[in-house]
Amino acid sequence: MGTIKLLIGLLALIGAGIAGFQIAPPLFANYSFQDDLQNIALVDGASLTKTPEDVRTDVLHKAQEHGLQLDPKQITVQDISTPGVKAVYVAVDYSVPINLPFYSFEMHFTPNSGNKGL
């Protein structure tokens, strides 16, 4: 009886390890991508010459650096400027497929550049 419990526990531990190796990379990539979106919003938002398409292009380049395949339609760019202050809000909506040995699913992420209010 003790051997069966040990074997089941060992299999559960191995399964958790495999799941962790599949789930952790997209989580860390999303965290880093979120930080990049905030930087893009700060830098591009302060530029008087950047258009929403330029901002979208910058986001696509950063997504490629993180191994994310995005369509430009998945990126929302809003001008939230007020008189005297130029600012931009950036949001992205994407999913990453996770393939475990007996179960597959998609992790949905919605990173953005932060609070829309100034």
C-alpha atoms as a PDB file:
ATOM      1  CA  MET A   1       0.000   0.000   0.000  1.00  0.00           C
ATOM      2  CA  GLY A   2       2.837   2.398   0.825  1.00  0.00           C
ATOM      3  CA  THR A   3       4.505   1.735  -2.525  1.00  0.00           C
ATOM      4  CA  ILE A   4       1.322   2.621  -4.421  1.00  0.00           C
ATOM      5  CA  LYS A   5       0.980   5.927  -2.539  1.00  0.00           C
ATOM      6  CA  LEU A   6       4.625   6.715  -3.223  1.00  0.00           C
ATOM      7  CA  LEU A   7       4.188   5.928  -6.913  1.00  0.00           C
ATOM      8  CA  ILE A   8       1.026   8.060  -7.189  1.00  0.00           C
ATOM      9  CA  GLY A   9       2.754  10.921  -5.359  1.00  0.00           C
ATOM     10  CA  LEU A  10       5.775  10.668  -7.638  1.00  0.00           C
ATOM     11  CA  LEU A  11       3.566  10.695 -10.767  1.00  0.00           C
ATOM     12  CA  ALA A  12       1.671  13.737  -9.440  1.00  0.00           C
ATOM     13  CA  LEU A  13       4.962  15.528  -8.798  1.00  0.00           C
ATOM     14  CA  ILE A  14       6.231  14.736 -12.299  1.00  0.00           C
ATOM     15  CA  GLY A  15       2.923  15.901 -13.804  1.00  0.00           C
ATOM     16  CA  ALA A  16       3.113  19.178 -11.874  1.00  0.00           C
ATOM     17  CA  GLY A  17       6.686  19.693 -13.085  1.00  0.00           C
ATOM     18  CA  ILE A  18       5.735  19.122 -16.718  1.00  0.00           C
ATOM     19  CA  ALA A  19       2.771  21.501 -16.389  1.00  0.00           C
ATOM     20  CA  GLY A  20       5.017  24.106 -14.768  1.00  0.00           C
ATOM     21  CA  PHE A  21       7.508  23.954 -17.626  1.00  0.00           C
ATOM     22  CA  GLN A  22       4.683  24.503 -20.123  1.00  0.00           C
ATOM     23  CA  ILE A  23       2.843  27.270 -18.232  1.00  0.00           C
ATOM     24  CA  ALA A  24       5.694  29.345 -16.768  1.00  0.00           C
ATOM     25  CA  PRO A  25       7.285  30.665 -20.020  1.00  0.00           C
ATOM     26  CA  PRO A  26       4.082  32.330 -21.329  1.00  0.00           C
ATOM     27  CA  LEU A  27       3.482  33.880 -17.902  1.00  0.00           C
ATOM     28  CA  PHE A  28       6.989  35.349 -17.757  1.00  0.00           C
ATOM     29  CA  ALA A  29       6.786  36.532 -21.386  1.00  0.00           C
ATOM     30  CA  ASN A  30       3.487  38.282 -20.640  1.00  0.00           C
ATOM     31  CA  TYR A  31       4.973  39.961 -17.553  1.00  0.00           C
ATOM     32  CA  SER A  32       7.926  41.265 -19.567  1.00  0.00           C
ATOM     33  CA  PHE A  33       5.674  42.278 -22.475  1.00  0.00           C
ATOM     34  CA  GLN A  34       3.466  44.241 -20.035  1.00  0.00           C
ATOM     35  CA  ASP A  35       6.542  46.184 -18.928  1.00  0.00           C
ATOM     36  CA  ASP A  36       7.493  46.863 -22.554  1.00  0.00           C
ATOM     37  CA  LEU A  37       3.968  48.154 -23.281  1.00  0.00           C
ATOM     38  CA  GLN A  38       4.279  50.651 -20.439  1.00  0.00           C
ATOM     39  CA  ASN A  39       7.620  51.842 -21.804  1.00  0.00           C
ATOM     40  CA  ILE A  40       6.236  52.140 -25.339  1.00  0.00           C
ATOM     41  CA  ALA A  41       3.268  54.145 -24.060  1.00  0.00           C
ATOM     42  CA  LEU A  42       5.554  56.501 -22.137  1.00  0.00           C
ATOM     43  CA  VAL A  43       8.088  57.047 -24.917  1.00  0.00           C
ATOM     44  CA  ASP A  44       5.757  57.026 -27.922  1.00  0.00           C
ATOM     45  CA  GLY A  45       3.088  58.931 -26.037  1.00  0.00           C
ATOM     46  CA  ALA A  46       5.503  61.757 -25.331  1.00  0.00           C
ATOM     47  CA  SER A  47       6.592  61.990 -28.966  1.00  0.00           C
ATOM     48  CA  LEU A  48       4.760  64.576 -31.014  1.00  0.00           C
ATOM     49  CA  THR A  49       5.558  62.789 -34.275  1.00  0.00           C
ATOM     50  CA  LYS A  50       4.356  59.249 -33.425  1.00  0.00           C
ATOM     51  CA  THR A  51       1.062  58.216 -34.969  1.00  0.00           C
ATOM     52  CA  PRO A  52      -1.110  55.358 -33.649  1.00  0.00           C
ATOM     53  CA  GLU A  53       0.218  53.205 -36.509  1.00  0.00           C
ATOM     54  CA  ASP A  54       3.800  53.933 -35.398  1.00  0.00           C
ATOM     55  CA  VAL A  55       2.892  52.876 -31.858  1.00  0.00           C
ATOM     56  CA  ARG A  56       1.220  49.713 -33.191  1.00  0.00           C
ATOM     57  CA  THR A  57       4.383  48.907 -35.188  1.00  0.00           C
ATOM     58  CA  ASP A  58       6.538  49.352 -32.064  1.00  0.00           C
ATOM     59  CA  VAL A  59       4.254  46.991 -30.141  1.00  0.00           C
ATOM     60  CA  LEU A  60       4.457  44.396 -32.924  1.00  0.00           C
ATOM     61  CA  HIS A  61       8.272  44.536 -32.830  1.00  0.00           C
ATOM     62  CA  LYS A  62       8.311  44.027 -29.059  1.00  0.00           C
ATOM     63  CA  ALA A  63       5.843  41.146 -29.383  1.00  0.00           C
ATOM     64  CA  GLN A  64       8.144  39.455 -31.894  1.00  0.00           C
ATOM     65  CA  GLU A  65      11.043  39.834 -29.441  1.00  0.00           C
ATOM     66  CA  HIS A  66       8.968  37.859 -26.916  1.00  0.00           C
ATOM     67  CA  GLY A  67       8.002  35.222 -29.479  1.00  0.00           C
ATOM     68  CA  LEU A  68       4.385  36.372 -29.707  1.00  0.00           C
ATOM     69  CA  GLN A  69       2.630  36.259 -33.058  1.00  0.00           C
ATOM     70  CA  LEU A  70       0.175  39.164 -33.018  1.00  0.00           C
ATOM     71  CA  ASP A  71      -2.144  40.564 -35.624  1.00  0.00           C
ATOM     72  CA  PRO A  72      -2.344  44.381 -35.716  1.00  0.00           C
ATOM     73  CA  LYS A  73      -6.081  44.046 -34.998  1.00  0.00           C
ATOM     74  CA  GLN A  74      -5.208  42.637 -31.563  1.00  0.00           C
ATOM     75  CA  ILE A  75      -3.553  45.920 -30.556  1.00  0.00           C
ATOM     76  CA  THR A  76      -5.617  48.866 -29.304  1.00  0.00           C
ATOM     77  CA  VAL A  77      -4.021  52.308 -29.344  1.00  0.00           C
ATOM     78  CA  GLN A  78      -5.951  55.246 -27.884  1.00  0.00           C
ATOM     79  CA  ASP A  79      -4.860  58.852 -27.755  1.00  0.00           C
ATOM     80  CA  ILE A  80      -5.620  60.069 -24.222  1.00  0.00           C
ATOM     81  CA  SER A  81      -4.004  63.469 -24.561  1.00  0.00           C
ATOM     82  CA  THR A  82      -5.228  66.423 -22.585  1.00  0.00           C
ATOM     83  CA  PRO A  83      -4.402  70.057 -23.308  1.00  0.00           C
ATOM     84  CA  GLY A  84      -0.670  70.421 -22.799  1.00  0.00           C
ATOM     85  CA  VAL A  85      -0.030  66.729 -22.144  1.00  0.00           C
ATOM     86  CA  LYS A  86       0.330  64.158 -24.916  1.00  0.00           C
ATOM     87  CA  ALA A  87      -0.272  60.546 -23.871  1.00  0.00           C
ATOM     88  CA  VAL A  88      -1.255  57.215 -25.377  1.00  0.00           C
ATOM     89  CA  TYR A  89      -2.917  54.069 -23.995  1.00  0.00           C
ATOM     90  CA  VAL A  90      -1.941  50.686 -25.448  1.00  0.00           C
ATOM     91  CA  ALA A  91      -3.723  47.358 -24.891  1.00  0.00           C
ATOM     92  CA  VAL A  92      -3.188  43.941 -26.441  1.00  0.00           C
ATOM     93  CA  ASP A  93      -5.474  40.899 -26.418  1.00  0.00           C
ATOM     94  CA  TYR A  94      -3.910  37.521 -27.250  1.00  0.00           C
ATOM     95  CA  SER A  95      -3.913  33.835 -26.345  1.00  0.00           C
ATOM     96  CA  VAL A  96      -1.115  31.277 -26.121  1.00  0.00           C
ATOM     97  CA  PRO A  97      -1.812  27.566 -26.689  1.00  0.00           C
ATOM     98  CA  ILE A  98      -0.598  25.228 -23.933  1.00  0.00           C
ATOM     99  CA  ASN A  99      -0.196  21.555 -24.867  1.00  0.00           C
ATOM    100  CA  LEU A 100       0.107  19.182 -21.926  1.00  0.00           C
ATOM    101  CA  PRO A 101       0.359  15.408 -22.473  1.00  0.00           C
ATOM    102  CA  PHE A 102      -3.346  14.749 -21.809  1.00  0.00           C
ATOM    103  CA  TYR A 103      -4.864  18.211 -21.913  1.00  0.00           C
ATOM    104  CA  SER A 104      -4.576  21.280 -24.161  1.00  0.00           C
ATOM    105  CA  PHE A 105      -5.900  24.768 -23.515  1.00  0.00           C
ATOM    106  CA  GLU A 106      -5.254  28.419 -24.279  1.00  0.00           C
ATOM    107  CA  MET A 107      -3.997  30.989 -21.793  1.00  0.00           C
ATOM    108  CA  HIS A 108      -5.616  34.357 -22.459  1.00  0.00           C
ATOM    109  CA  PHE A 109      -3.657  37.562 -21.768  1.00  0.00           C
ATOM    110  CA  THR A 110      -4.714  41.228 -21.918  1.00  0.00           C
ATOM    111  CA  PRO A 111      -1.643  43.319 -21.078  1.00  0.00           C
ATOM    112  CA  ASN A 112      -1.987  47.108 -21.255  1.00  0.00           C
ATOM    113  CA  SER A 113       0.016  50.239 -20.621  1.00  0.00           C
ATOM    114  CA  GLY A 114      -1.710  51.068 -17.362  1.00  0.00           C
ATOM    115  CA  ASN A 115      -4.342  53.472 -16.154  1.00  0.00           C
ATOM    116  CA  LYS A 116      -6.128  55.372 -18.909  1.00  0.00           C
ATOM    117  CA  GLY A 117      -6.760  58.336 -16.635  1.00  0.00           C
ATOM    118  CA  LEU A 118      -4.107  61.004 -16.157  1.00  0.00           C
END
